[in-house]
PDB file of N, CA and C in Angstrom:
ATOM      1  N   MET A   1     -28.456 -13.679 -22.645  1.00  0.00           N
ATOM      2  CA  MET A   1     -27.909 -13.485 -23.971  1.00  0.00           C
ATOM      3  C   MET A   1     -28.200 -14.700 -24.814  1.00  0.00           C
ATOM      4  N   SER A   2     -28.641 -14.501 -26.034  1.00  0.00           N
ATOM      5  CA  SER A   2     -28.972 -15.631 -26.901  1.00  0.00           C
ATOM      6  C   SER A   2     -27.706 -16.175 -27.560  1.00  0.00           C
ATOM      7  N   ARG A   3     -27.818 -17.362 -28.076  1.00  0.00           N
ATOM      8  CA  ARG A   3     -26.665 -18.013 -28.681  1.00  0.00           C
ATOM      9  C   ARG A   3     -26.125 -17.289 -29.871  1.00  0.00           C
ATOM     10  N   PRO A   4     -26.934 -16.740 -30.810  1.00  0.00           N
ATOM     11  CA  PRO A   4     -26.398 -16.021 -31.994  1.00  0.00           C
ATOM     12  C   PRO A   4     -25.658 -14.738 -31.539  1.00  0.00           C
ATOM     13  N   THR A   5     -26.166 -14.103 -30.492  1.00  0.00           N
ATOM     14  CA  THR A   5     -25.428 -12.917 -30.021  1.00  0.00           C
ATOM     15  C   THR A   5     -24.079 -13.252 -29.481  1.00  0.00           C
ATOM     16  N   GLY A   6     -23.943 -14.346 -28.753  1.00  0.00           N
ATOM     17  CA  GLY A   6     -22.665 -14.813 -28.236  1.00  0.00           C
ATOM     18  C   GLY A   6     -21.688 -15.196 -29.343  1.00  0.00           C
ATOM     19  N   ILE A   7     -22.228 -15.819 -30.412  1.00  0.00           N
ATOM     20  CA  ILE A   7     -21.392 -16.180 -31.535  1.00  0.00           C
ATOM     21  C   ILE A   7     -20.861 -14.906 -32.219  1.00  0.00           C
ATOM     22  N   TRP A   8     -21.690 -13.907 -32.393  1.00  0.00           N
ATOM     23  CA  TRP A   8     -21.326 -12.633 -33.043  1.00  0.00           C
ATOM     24  C   TRP A   8     -20.259 -11.896 -32.193  1.00  0.00           C
ATOM     25  N   ILE A   9     -20.416 -11.900 -30.875  1.00  0.00           N
ATOM     26  CA  ILE A   9     -19.452 -11.234 -30.006  1.00  0.00           C
ATOM     27  C   ILE A   9     -18.126 -11.966 -30.067  1.00  0.00           C
ATOM     28  N   THR A  10     -18.162 -13.306 -30.023  1.00  0.00           N
ATOM     29  CA  THR A  10     -16.922 -14.097 -30.112  1.00  0.00           C
ATOM     30  C   THR A  10     -16.247 -13.867 -31.461  1.00  0.00           C
ATOM     31  N   ALA A  11     -16.999 -13.880 -32.556  1.00  0.00           N
ATOM     32  CA  ALA A  11     -16.408 -13.610 -33.888  1.00  0.00           C
ATOM     33  C   ALA A  11     -15.795 -12.227 -33.952  1.00  0.00           C
ATOM     34  N   LEU A  12     -16.448 -11.252 -33.373  1.00  0.00           N
ATOM     35  CA  LEU A  12     -15.916  -9.884 -33.377  1.00  0.00           C
ATOM     36  C   LEU A  12     -14.631  -9.808 -32.590  1.00  0.00           C
ATOM     37  N   VAL A  13     -14.515 -10.471 -31.483  1.00  0.00           N
ATOM     38  CA  VAL A  13     -13.338 -10.496 -30.641  1.00  0.00           C
ATOM     39  C   VAL A  13     -12.198 -11.163 -31.457  1.00  0.00           C
ATOM     40  N   VAL A  14     -12.451 -12.281 -32.070  1.00  0.00           N
ATOM     41  CA  VAL A  14     -11.423 -13.016 -32.853  1.00  0.00           C
ATOM     42  C   VAL A  14     -10.924 -12.151 -34.010  1.00  0.00           C
ATOM     43  N   VAL A  15     -11.848 -11.530 -34.727  1.00  0.00           N
ATOM     44  CA  VAL A  15     -11.451 -10.655 -35.842  1.00  0.00           C
ATOM     45  C   VAL A  15     -10.631  -9.460 -35.333  1.00  0.00           C
ATOM     46  N   SER A  16     -11.037  -8.861 -34.273  1.00  0.00           N
ATOM     47  CA  SER A  16     -10.287  -7.756 -33.683  1.00  0.00           C
ATOM     48  C   SER A  16      -8.864  -8.177 -33.300  1.00  0.00           C
ATOM     49  N   LEU A  17      -8.712  -9.320 -32.625  1.00  0.00           N
ATOM     50  CA  LEU A  17      -7.388  -9.823 -32.237  1.00  0.00           C
ATOM     51  C   LEU A  17      -6.538 -10.085 -33.520  1.00  0.00           C
ATOM     52  N   ALA A  18      -7.155 -10.684 -34.564  1.00  0.00           N
ATOM     53  CA  ALA A  18      -6.414 -10.962 -35.784  1.00  0.00           C
ATOM     54  C   ALA A  18      -5.923  -9.664 -36.419  1.00  0.00           C
ATOM     55  N   ILE A  19      -6.756  -8.642 -36.465  1.00  0.00           N
ATOM     56  CA  ILE A  19      -6.403  -7.389 -37.045  1.00  0.00           C
ATOM     57  C   ILE A  19      -5.251  -6.769 -36.203  1.00  0.00           C
ATOM     58  N   GLY A  20      -5.360  -6.838 -34.882  1.00  0.00           N
ATOM     59  CA  GLY A  20      -4.299  -6.291 -34.031  1.00  0.00           C
ATOM     60  C   GLY A  20      -2.963  -6.987 -34.237  1.00  0.00           C
ATOM     61  N   ILE A  21      -2.971  -8.316 -34.332  1.00  0.00           N
ATOM     62  CA  ILE A  21      -1.732  -9.054 -34.540  1.00  0.00           C
ATOM     63  C   ILE A  21      -1.152  -8.748 -35.910  1.00  0.00           C
ATOM     64  N   ILE A  22      -1.945  -8.708 -36.935  1.00  0.00           N
ATOM     65  CA  ILE A  22      -1.438  -8.387 -38.280  1.00  0.00           C
ATOM     66  C   ILE A  22      -0.883  -6.954 -38.344  1.00  0.00           C
ATOM     67  N   TRP A  23      -1.574  -6.043 -37.708  1.00  0.00           N
ATOM     68  CA  TRP A  23      -1.137  -4.615 -37.671  1.00  0.00           C
ATOM     69  C   TRP A  23       0.217  -4.542 -36.952  1.00  0.00           C
ATOM     70  N   THR A  24       0.378  -5.239 -35.850  1.00  0.00           N
ATOM     71  CA  THR A  24       1.633  -5.184 -35.054  1.00  0.00           C
ATOM     72  C   THR A  24       2.753  -5.782 -35.848  1.00  0.00           C
ATOM     73  N   ILE A  25       2.531  -6.918 -36.504  1.00  0.00           N
ATOM     74  CA  ILE A  25       3.611  -7.565 -37.329  1.00  0.00           C
ATOM     75  C   ILE A  25       3.964  -6.643 -38.478  1.00  0.00           C
ATOM     76  N   ARG A  26       2.988  -5.993 -39.097  1.00  0.00           N
ATOM     77  CA  ARG A  26       3.249  -5.135 -40.255  1.00  0.00           C
ATOM     78  C   ARG A  26       4.056  -3.946 -39.881  1.00  0.00           C
ATOM     79  N   LEU A  27       3.861  -3.356 -38.712  1.00  0.00           N
ATOM     80  CA  LEU A  27       4.574  -2.189 -38.313  1.00  0.00           C
ATOM     81  C   LEU A  27       5.946  -2.521 -37.741  1.00  0.00           C
ATOM     82  N   ALA A  28       6.220  -3.791 -37.424  1.00  0.00           N
ATOM     83  CA  ALA A  28       7.491  -4.224 -36.883  1.00  0.00           C
ATOM     84  C   ALA A  28       7.927  -3.315 -35.720  1.00  0.00           C
ATOM     85  N   PRO A  29       7.434  -3.541 -34.514  1.00  0.00           N
ATOM     86  CA  PRO A  29       7.842  -2.685 -33.407  1.00  0.00           C
ATOM     87  C   PRO A  29       9.344  -2.705 -33.214  1.00  0.00           C
ATOM     88  N   PRO A  30       9.918  -1.576 -32.791  1.00  0.00           N
ATOM     89  CA  PRO A  30      11.364  -1.457 -32.697  1.00  0.00           C
ATOM     90  C   PRO A  30      11.885  -2.332 -31.597  1.00  0.00           C
ATOM     91  N   SER A  31      13.108  -2.709 -31.720  1.00  0.00           N
ATOM     92  CA  SER A  31      13.799  -3.514 -30.697  1.00  0.00           C
ATOM     93  C   SER A  31      14.062  -2.638 -29.504  1.00  0.00           C
ATOM     94  N   PRO A  32      13.974  -3.176 -28.297  1.00  0.00           N
ATOM     95  CA  PRO A  32      14.272  -2.312 -27.120  1.00  0.00           C
ATOM     96  C   PRO A  32      15.732  -1.941 -27.025  1.00  0.00           C
ATOM     97  N   ALA A  33      16.619  -2.629 -27.701  1.00  0.00           N
ATOM     98  CA  ALA A  33      18.051  -2.334 -27.669  1.00  0.00           C
ATOM     99  C   ALA A  33      18.376  -1.430 -28.890  1.00  0.00           C
ATOM    100  N   PRO A  34      19.228  -0.415 -28.684  1.00  0.00           N
ATOM    101  CA  PRO A  34      19.594   0.464 -29.811  1.00  0.00           C
ATOM    102  C   PRO A  34      20.454  -0.324 -30.826  1.00  0.00           C
ATOM    103  N   TRP A  35      20.603   0.258 -31.998  1.00  0.00           N
ATOM    104  CA  TRP A  35      21.281  -0.431 -33.112  1.00  0.00           C
ATOM    105  C   TRP A  35      22.767  -0.700 -32.780  1.00  0.00           C
ATOM    106  N   TRP A  36      23.359   0.091 -31.931  1.00  0.00           N
ATOM    107  CA  TRP A  36      24.794  -0.023 -31.639  1.00  0.00           C
ATOM    108  C   TRP A  36      25.077  -0.923 -30.459  1.00  0.00           C
ATOM    109  N   TRP A  37      24.029  -1.463 -29.823  1.00  0.00           N
ATOM    110  CA  TRP A  37      24.178  -2.298 -28.632  1.00  0.00           C
ATOM    111  C   TRP A  37      25.024  -3.555 -28.961  1.00  0.00           C
ATOM    112  N   GLY A  38      25.995  -3.842 -28.107  1.00  0.00           N
ATOM    113  CA  GLY A  38      26.829  -5.046 -28.312  1.00  0.00           C
ATOM    114  C   GLY A  38      27.937  -4.831 -29.304  1.00  0.00           C
ATOM    115  N   LYS A  39      28.052  -3.631 -29.856  1.00  0.00           N
ATOM    116  CA  LYS A  39      29.147  -3.339 -30.791  1.00  0.00           C
ATOM    117  C   LYS A  39      30.089  -2.376 -30.121  1.00  0.00           C
ATOM    118  N   ASN A  40      31.086  -1.938 -30.768  1.00  0.00           N
ATOM    119  CA  ASN A  40      32.071  -1.028 -30.175  1.00  0.00           C
ATOM    120  C   ASN A  40      31.979   0.317 -30.946  1.00  0.00           C
ATOM    121  N   PRO A  41      30.978   1.157 -30.673  1.00  0.00           N
ATOM    122  CA  PRO A  41      30.802   2.380 -31.473  1.00  0.00           C
ATOM    123  C   PRO A  41      31.785   3.483 -31.145  1.00  0.00           C
ATOM    124  N   ASP A  42      32.004   4.352 -32.071  1.00  0.00           N
ATOM    125  CA  ASP A  42      32.831   5.548 -31.905  1.00  0.00           C
ATOM    126  C   ASP A  42      31.944   6.753 -31.974  1.00  0.00           C
ATOM    127  N   LEU A  43      32.314   7.754 -31.228  1.00  0.00           N
ATOM    128  CA  LEU A  43      31.602   9.070 -31.321  1.00  0.00           C
ATOM    129  C   LEU A  43      32.421   9.997 -32.194  1.00  0.00           C
ATOM    130  N   HIS A  44      31.778  10.541 -33.243  1.00  0.00           N
ATOM    131  CA  HIS A  44      32.396  11.455 -34.140  1.00  0.00           C
ATOM    132  C   HIS A  44      31.884  12.900 -33.861  1.00  0.00           C
ATOM    133  N   VAL A  45      32.818  13.828 -33.934  1.00  0.00           N
ATOM    134  CA  VAL A  45      32.449  15.248 -33.687  1.00  0.00           C
ATOM    135  C   VAL A  45      33.109  16.018 -34.831  1.00  0.00           C
ATOM    136  N   GLU A  46      32.318  16.837 -35.516  1.00  0.00           N
ATOM    137  CA  GLU A  46      32.855  17.752 -36.559  1.00  0.00           C
ATOM    138  C   GLU A  46      32.307  19.165 -36.264  1.00  0.00           C
ATOM    139  N   VAL A  47      33.192  20.134 -36.420  1.00  0.00           N
ATOM    140  CA  VAL A  47      32.834  21.566 -36.259  1.00  0.00           C
ATOM    141  C   VAL A  47      33.024  22.208 -37.666  1.00  0.00           C
ATOM    142  N   TRP A  48      31.885  22.730 -38.195  1.00  0.00           N
ATOM    143  CA  TRP A  48      31.928  23.409 -39.504  1.00  0.00           C
ATOM    144  C   TRP A  48      31.690  24.880 -39.229  1.00  0.00           C
ATOM    145  N   GLU A  49      32.566  25.690 -39.774  1.00  0.00           N
ATOM    146  CA  GLU A  49      32.405  27.162 -39.671  1.00  0.00           C
ATOM    147  C   GLU A  49      32.066  27.698 -41.025  1.00  0.00           C
ATOM    148  N   PRO A  50      31.275  28.821 -41.061  1.00  0.00           N
ATOM    149  CA  PRO A  50      30.859  29.368 -42.352  1.00  0.00           C
ATOM    150  C   PRO A  50      32.094  29.856 -43.169  1.00  0.00           C
ATOM    151  N   GLY A  51      32.004  29.717 -44.483  1.00  0.00           N
ATOM    152  CA  GLY A  51      33.100  30.142 -45.328  1.00  0.00           C
ATOM    153  C   GLY A  51      34.222  29.161 -45.549  1.00  0.00           C
ATOM    154  N   LYS A  52      34.095  27.983 -44.880  1.00  0.00           N
ATOM    155  CA  LYS A  52      35.136  26.968 -45.029  1.00  0.00           C
ATOM    156  C   LYS A  52      34.553  25.756 -45.749  1.00  0.00           C
ATOM    157  N   ASP A  53      35.368  25.133 -46.612  1.00  0.00           N
ATOM    158  CA  ASP A  53      34.851  24.023 -47.371  1.00  0.00           C
ATOM    159  C   ASP A  53      35.149  22.689 -46.716  1.00  0.00           C
ATOM    160  N   MET A  54      35.855  22.675 -45.596  1.00  0.00           N
ATOM    161  CA  MET A  54      36.142  21.459 -44.845  1.00  0.00           C
ATOM    162  C   MET A  54      35.844  21.745 -43.371  1.00  0.00           C
ATOM    163  N   ALA A  55      35.667  20.666 -42.608  1.00  0.00           N
ATOM    164  CA  ALA A  55      35.403  20.859 -41.183  1.00  0.00           C
ATOM    165  C   ALA A  55      36.674  21.464 -40.526  1.00  0.00           C
ATOM    166  N   THR A  56      36.426  22.437 -39.626  1.00  0.00           N
ATOM    167  CA  THR A  56      37.496  23.069 -38.874  1.00  0.00           C
ATOM    168  C   THR A  56      38.156  22.078 -37.938  1.00  0.00           C
ATOM    169  N   VAL A  57      37.368  21.327 -37.286  1.00  0.00           N
ATOM    170  CA  VAL A  57      37.818  20.281 -36.339  1.00  0.00           C
ATOM    171  C   VAL A  57      37.008  19.020 -36.555  1.00  0.00           C
ATOM    172  N   ALA A  58      37.676  17.886 -36.577  1.00  0.00           N
ATOM    173  CA  ALA A  58      37.038  16.608 -36.713  1.00  0.00           C
ATOM    174  C   ALA A  58      37.757  15.643 -35.753  1.00  0.00           C
ATOM    175  N   MET A  59      36.980  14.933 -34.926  1.00  0.00           N
ATOM    176  CA  MET A  59      37.614  14.005 -33.983  1.00  0.00           C
ATOM    177  C   MET A  59      36.711  12.752 -33.822  1.00  0.00           C
ATOM    178  N   THR A  60      37.391  11.684 -33.481  1.00  0.00           N
ATOM    179  CA  THR A  60      36.700  10.416 -33.206  1.00  0.00           C
ATOM    180  C   THR A  60      37.193   9.878 -31.891  1.00  0.00           C
ATOM    181  N   MET A  61      36.291   9.454 -31.056  1.00  0.00           N
ATOM    182  CA  MET A  61      36.704   8.844 -29.775  1.00  0.00           C
ATOM    183  C   MET A  61      35.751   7.680 -29.426  1.00  0.00           C
ATOM    184  N   PRO A  62      36.242   6.663 -28.749  1.00  0.00           N
ATOM    185  CA  PRO A  62      35.414   5.515 -28.394  1.00  0.00           C
ATOM    186  C   PRO A  62      34.246   5.965 -27.472  1.00  0.00           C
ATOM    187  N   LYS A  63      33.090   5.373 -27.706  1.00  0.00           N
ATOM    188  CA  LYS A  63      31.950   5.703 -26.877  1.00  0.00           C
ATOM    189  C   LYS A  63      32.178   5.223 -25.439  1.00  0.00           C
ATOM    190  N   LYS A  64      32.987   4.171 -25.301  1.00  0.00           N
ATOM    191  CA  LYS A  64      33.293   3.678 -23.926  1.00  0.00           C
ATOM    192  C   LYS A  64      33.911   4.747 -23.052  1.00  0.00           C
ATOM    193  N   THR A  65      34.743   5.581 -23.665  1.00  0.00           N
ATOM    194  CA  THR A  65      35.391   6.669 -22.934  1.00  0.00           C
ATOM    195  C   THR A  65      34.329   7.687 -22.411  1.00  0.00           C
ATOM    196  N   ILE A  66      33.391   8.026 -23.239  1.00  0.00           N
ATOM    197  CA  ILE A  66      32.319   8.957 -22.842  1.00  0.00           C
ATOM    198  C   ILE A  66      31.448   8.332 -21.764  1.00  0.00           C
ATOM    199  N   ASP A  67      31.126   7.043 -21.931  1.00  0.00           N
ATOM    200  CA  ASP A  67      30.316   6.342 -20.913  1.00  0.00           C
ATOM    201  C   ASP A  67      31.005   6.297 -19.571  1.00  0.00           C
ATOM    202  N   THR A  68      32.357   6.058 -19.595  1.00  0.00           N
ATOM    203  CA  THR A  68      33.092   6.009 -18.330  1.00  0.00           C
ATOM    204  C   THR A  68      33.118   7.369 -17.649  1.00  0.00           C
ATOM    205  N   MET A  69      33.335   8.410 -18.442  1.00  0.00           N
ATOM    206  CA  MET A  69      33.313   9.774 -17.841  1.00  0.00           C
ATOM    207  C   MET A  69      31.963  10.078 -17.263  1.00  0.00           C
ATOM    208  N   PHE A  70      30.904   9.690 -17.981  1.00  0.00           N
ATOM    209  CA  PHE A  70      29.562   9.917 -17.504  1.00  0.00           C
ATOM    210  C   PHE A  70      29.290   9.183 -16.177  1.00  0.00           C
ATOM    211  N   ALA A  71      29.743   7.923 -16.159  1.00  0.00           N
ATOM    212  CA  ALA A  71      29.528   7.057 -14.981  1.00  0.00           C
ATOM    213  C   ALA A  71      30.275   7.563 -13.754  1.00  0.00           C
ATOM    214  N   LEU A  72      31.456   8.111 -13.989  1.00  0.00           N
ATOM    215  CA  LEU A  72      32.270   8.652 -12.856  1.00  0.00           C
ATOM    216  C   LEU A  72      31.860  10.090 -12.499  1.00  0.00           C
ATOM    217  N   GLY A  73      30.958  10.664 -13.227  1.00  0.00           N
ATOM    218  CA  GLY A  73      30.525  12.023 -12.942  1.00  0.00           C
ATOM    219  C   GLY A  73      31.531  13.102 -13.386  1.00  0.00           C
ATOM    220  N   LEU A  74      32.430  12.780 -14.291  1.00  0.00           N
ATOM    221  CA  LEU A  74      33.366  13.719 -14.791  1.00  0.00           C
ATOM    222  C   LEU A  74      32.711  14.569 -15.912  1.00  0.00           C
ATOM    223  N   PRO A  75      33.131  15.788 -16.062  1.00  0.00           N
ATOM    224  CA  PRO A  75      32.560  16.630 -17.115  1.00  0.00           C
ATOM    225  C   PRO A  75      33.158  16.188 -18.485  1.00  0.00           C
ATOM    226  N   ALA A  76      32.322  15.598 -19.313  1.00  0.00           N
ATOM    227  CA  ALA A  76      32.726  15.206 -20.662  1.00  0.00           C
ATOM    228  C   ALA A  76      32.439  16.393 -21.584  1.00  0.00           C
ATOM    229  N   GLU A  77      33.518  17.115 -21.881  1.00  0.00           N
ATOM    230  CA  GLU A  77      33.373  18.352 -22.658  1.00  0.00           C
ATOM    231  C   GLU A  77      34.387  18.358 -23.761  1.00  0.00           C
ATOM    232  N   VAL A  78      33.958  18.722 -24.947  1.00  0.00           N
ATOM    233  CA  VAL A  78      34.871  18.868 -26.078  1.00  0.00           C
ATOM    234  C   VAL A  78      34.996  20.349 -26.394  1.00  0.00           C
ATOM    235  N   SER A  79      36.215  20.823 -26.398  1.00  0.00           N
ATOM    236  CA  SER A  79      36.476  22.212 -26.682  1.00  0.00           C
ATOM    237  C   SER A  79      37.360  22.261 -27.914  1.00  0.00           C
ATOM    238  N   ALA A  80      36.824  22.883 -28.965  1.00  0.00           N
ATOM    239  CA  ALA A  80      37.562  22.940 -30.208  1.00  0.00           C
ATOM    240  C   ALA A  80      37.433  24.299 -30.829  1.00  0.00           C
ATOM    241  N   ASN A  81      38.536  25.016 -30.959  1.00  0.00           N
ATOM    242  CA  ASN A  81      38.569  26.312 -31.641  1.00  0.00           C
ATOM    243  C   ASN A  81      37.553  27.262 -31.052  1.00  0.00           C
ATOM    244  N   GLY A  82      37.442  27.264 -29.736  1.00  0.00           N
ATOM    245  CA  GLY A  82      36.550  28.192 -29.066  1.00  0.00           C
ATOM    246  C   GLY A  82      35.092  27.727 -28.937  1.00  0.00           C
ATOM    247  N   HIS A  83      34.790  26.572 -29.452  1.00  0.00           N
ATOM    248  CA  HIS A  83      33.450  26.010 -29.372  1.00  0.00           C
ATOM    249  C   HIS A  83      33.456  24.892 -28.342  1.00  0.00           C
ATOM    250  N   LYS A  84      32.511  24.985 -27.367  1.00  0.00           N
ATOM    251  CA  LYS A  84      32.440  23.955 -26.325  1.00  0.00           C
ATOM    252  C   LYS A  84      31.131  23.179 -26.475  1.00  0.00           C
ATOM    253  N   ILE A  85      31.281  21.861 -26.421  1.00  0.00           N
ATOM    254  CA  ILE A  85      30.137  20.994 -26.446  1.00  0.00           C
ATOM    255  C   ILE A  85      30.203  20.112 -25.194  1.00  0.00           C
ATOM    256  N   ARG A  86      29.146  20.174 -24.363  1.00  0.00           N
ATOM    257  CA  ARG A  86      29.105  19.323 -23.173  1.00  0.00           C
ATOM    258  C   ARG A  86      28.389  18.042 -23.599  1.00  0.00           C
ATOM    259  N   LEU A  87      29.208  16.989 -23.662  1.00  0.00           N
ATOM    260  CA  LEU A  87      28.688  15.685 -24.120  1.00  0.00           C
ATOM    261  C   LEU A  87      27.737  15.067 -23.131  1.00  0.00           C
ATOM    262  N   ASN A  88      27.831  15.424 -21.811  1.00  0.00           N
ATOM    263  CA  ASN A  88      26.875  14.915 -20.827  1.00  0.00           C
ATOM    264  C   ASN A  88      25.469  15.393 -21.135  1.00  0.00           C
ATOM    265  N   ALA A  89      25.332  16.600 -21.688  1.00  0.00           N
ATOM    266  CA  ALA A  89      24.038  17.161 -21.977  1.00  0.00           C
ATOM    267  C   ALA A  89      23.395  16.578 -23.248  1.00  0.00           C
ATOM    268  N   VAL A  90      24.212  16.173 -24.189  1.00  0.00           N
ATOM    269  CA  VAL A  90      23.667  15.665 -25.466  1.00  0.00           C
ATOM    270  C   VAL A  90      23.837  14.129 -25.603  1.00  0.00           C
ATOM    271  N   ARG A  91      24.316  13.501 -24.584  1.00  0.00           N
ATOM    272  CA  ARG A  91      24.612  12.071 -24.636  1.00  0.00           C
ATOM    273  C   ARG A  91      23.343  11.221 -25.011  1.00  0.00           C
ATOM    274  N   SER A  92      22.272  11.480 -24.321  1.00  0.00           N
ATOM    275  CA  SER A  92      21.038  10.687 -24.597  1.00  0.00           C
ATOM    276  C   SER A  92      20.512  10.981 -25.987  1.00  0.00           C
ATOM    277  N   GLN A  93      20.619  12.203 -26.487  1.00  0.00           N
ATOM    278  CA  GLN A  93      20.131  12.508 -27.828  1.00  0.00           C
ATOM    279  C   GLN A  93      20.980  11.749 -28.872  1.00  0.00           C
ATOM    280  N   ILE A  94      22.282  11.666 -28.656  1.00  0.00           N
ATOM    281  CA  ILE A  94      23.178  10.944 -29.578  1.00  0.00           C
ATOM    282  C   ILE A  94      22.853   9.477 -29.550  1.00  0.00           C
ATOM    283  N   GLU A  95      22.619   8.896 -28.398  1.00  0.00           N
ATOM    284  CA  GLU A  95      22.331   7.463 -28.264  1.00  0.00           C
ATOM    285  C   GLU A  95      21.032   7.093 -28.915  1.00  0.00           C
ATOM    286  N   HIS A  96      20.072   8.013 -29.025  1.00  0.00           N
ATOM    287  CA  HIS A  96      18.780   7.687 -29.571  1.00  0.00           C
ATOM    288  C   HIS A  96      18.710   7.952 -31.076  1.00  0.00           C
ATOM    289  N   LEU A  97      19.783   8.422 -31.686  1.00  0.00           N
ATOM    290  CA  LEU A  97      19.800   8.669 -33.122  1.00  0.00           C
ATOM    291  C   LEU A  97      19.705   7.388 -33.906  1.00  0.00           C
ATOM    292  N   PRO A  98      18.968   7.365 -35.009  1.00  0.00           N
ATOM    293  CA  PRO A  98      19.030   6.172 -35.879  1.00  0.00           C
ATOM    294  C   PRO A  98      20.389   6.061 -36.553  1.00  0.00           C
ATOM    295  N   ARG A  99      20.662   4.932 -37.076  1.00  0.00           N
ATOM    296  CA  ARG A  99      21.946   4.698 -37.752  1.00  0.00           C
ATOM    297  C   ARG A  99      22.144   5.705 -38.910  1.00  0.00           C
ATOM    298  N   ARG A 100      23.364   6.185 -39.053  1.00  0.00           N
ATOM    299  CA  ARG A 100      23.795   7.162 -40.083  1.00  0.00           C
ATOM    300  C   ARG A 100      23.101   8.527 -40.003  1.00  0.00           C
ATOM    301  N   GLU A 101      22.574   8.847 -38.829  1.00  0.00           N
ATOM    302  CA  GLU A 101      22.007  10.181 -38.670  1.00  0.00           C
ATOM    303  C   GLU A 101      22.922  10.988 -37.724  1.00  0.00           C
ATOM    304  N   LYS A 102      22.965  12.323 -37.976  1.00  0.00           N
ATOM    305  CA  LYS A 102      23.814  13.168 -37.163  1.00  0.00           C
ATOM    306  C   LYS A 102      23.002  14.131 -36.351  1.00  0.00           C
ATOM    307  N   LEU A 103      23.493  14.423 -35.168  1.00  0.00           N
ATOM    308  CA  LEU A 103      22.906  15.422 -34.305  1.00  0.00           C
ATOM    309  C   LEU A 103      23.534  16.776 -34.665  1.00  0.00           C
ATOM    310  N   LYS A 104      22.722  17.747 -34.984  1.00  0.00           N
ATOM    311  CA  LYS A 104      23.180  19.078 -35.407  1.00  0.00           C
ATOM    312  C   LYS A 104      22.990  20.083 -34.292  1.00  0.00           C
ATOM    313  N   ILE A 105      24.074  20.754 -33.901  1.00  0.00           N
ATOM    314  CA  ILE A 105      23.979  21.766 -32.855  1.00  0.00           C
ATOM    315  C   ILE A 105      24.618  23.066 -33.383  1.00  0.00           C
ATOM    316  N   GLN A 106      23.900  24.128 -33.229  1.00  0.00           N
ATOM    317  CA  GLN A 106      24.391  25.487 -33.613  1.00  0.00           C
ATOM    318  C   GLN A 106      25.101  26.063 -32.396  1.00  0.00           C
ATOM    319  N   ASP A 107      26.358  26.453 -32.635  1.00  0.00           N
ATOM    320  CA  ASP A 107      27.155  27.090 -31.599  1.00  0.00           C
ATOM    321  C   ASP A 107      27.677  28.393 -32.155  1.00  0.00           C
ATOM    322  N   GLY A 108      26.951  29.428 -31.978  1.00  0.00           N
ATOM    323  CA  GLY A 108      27.299  30.746 -32.616  1.00  0.00           C
ATOM    324  C   GLY A 108      27.165  30.620 -34.077  1.00  0.00           C
ATOM    325  N   ALA A 109      28.214  30.946 -34.811  1.00  0.00           N
ATOM    326  CA  ALA A 109      28.177  30.848 -36.306  1.00  0.00           C
ATOM    327  C   ALA A 109      28.536  29.465 -36.769  1.00  0.00           C
ATOM    328  N   ALA A 110      29.116  28.664 -35.922  1.00  0.00           N
ATOM    329  CA  ALA A 110      29.559  27.299 -36.288  1.00  0.00           C
ATOM    330  C   ALA A 110      28.423  26.303 -36.143  1.00  0.00           C
ATOM    331  N   THR A 111      28.551  25.244 -36.908  1.00  0.00           N
ATOM    332  CA  THR A 111      27.615  24.079 -36.770  1.00  0.00           C
ATOM    333  C   THR A 111      28.416  22.886 -36.325  1.00  0.00           C
ATOM    334  N   VAL A 112      27.965  22.224 -35.313  1.00  0.00           N
ATOM    335  CA  VAL A 112      28.665  21.053 -34.761  1.00  0.00           C
ATOM    336  C   VAL A 112      27.767  19.843 -35.048  1.00  0.00           C
ATOM    337  N   TYR A 113      28.405  18.807 -35.639  1.00  0.00           N
ATOM    338  CA  TYR A 113      27.716  17.560 -35.941  1.00  0.00           C
ATOM    339  C   TYR A 113      28.277  16.455 -35.062  1.00  0.00           C
ATOM    340  N   LEU A 114      27.408  15.654 -34.403  1.00  0.00           N
ATOM    341  CA  LEU A 114      27.842  14.582 -33.576  1.00  0.00           C
ATOM    342  C   LEU A 114      27.069  13.323 -34.009  1.00  0.00           C
ATOM    343  N   TRP A 115      27.737  12.160 -34.093  1.00  0.00           N
ATOM    344  CA  TRP A 115      27.053  10.933 -34.430  1.00  0.00           C
ATOM    345  C   TRP A 115      27.875   9.728 -33.957  1.00  0.00           C
ATOM    346  N   LEU A 116      27.135   8.597 -33.874  1.00  0.00           N
ATOM    347  CA  LEU A 116      27.787   7.331 -33.505  1.00  0.00           C
ATOM    348  C   LEU A 116      27.994   6.509 -34.763  1.00  0.00           C
ATOM    349  N   ASP A 117      29.104   5.801 -34.808  1.00  0.00           N
ATOM    350  CA  ASP A 117      29.391   4.962 -35.967  1.00  0.00           C
ATOM    351  C   ASP A 117      30.126   3.701 -35.474  1.00  0.00           C
ATOM    352  N   VAL A 118      29.976   2.629 -36.210  1.00  0.00           N
ATOM    353  CA  VAL A 118      30.630   1.365 -35.858  1.00  0.00           C
ATOM    354  C   VAL A 118      31.545   0.973 -37.025  1.00  0.00           C
ATOM    355  N   LYS A 119      32.780   0.664 -36.668  1.00  0.00           N
ATOM    356  CA  LYS A 119      33.710   0.156 -37.685  1.00  0.00           C
ATOM    357  C   LYS A 119      33.242  -1.194 -38.139  1.00  0.00           C
ATOM    358  N   GLU A 120      33.251  -1.343 -39.467  1.00  0.00           N
ATOM    359  CA  GLU A 120      32.783  -2.639 -39.962  1.00  0.00           C
ATOM    360  C   GLU A 120      33.863  -3.358 -40.706  1.00  0.00           C
TER     361      GLU A 120
END
């Protein structure tokens, strides 16, 4: 391999690395820890039924309680007005939600919203 070819290959590698670093910084890769990590989040549950202008049932509980029930293998289930939500089944979906987003679940005619929130 001649010297000019080696210089061109080295320059191409350096430019490629620079583009990769700039691209990575620009996209700001997400933190491996979720937004609520290290805080004391609460789990909110609301049940909305058609024809009503307010939630039929609304409750707030500490996430620590749900985590404890999950760790001990207990069935974490919310039953409200005939609607049952198994929190063990949707726990990972709730934990992966971005901040201020709600998980929407259709249960018959009712709509159930679940989300995590931190008191500030």
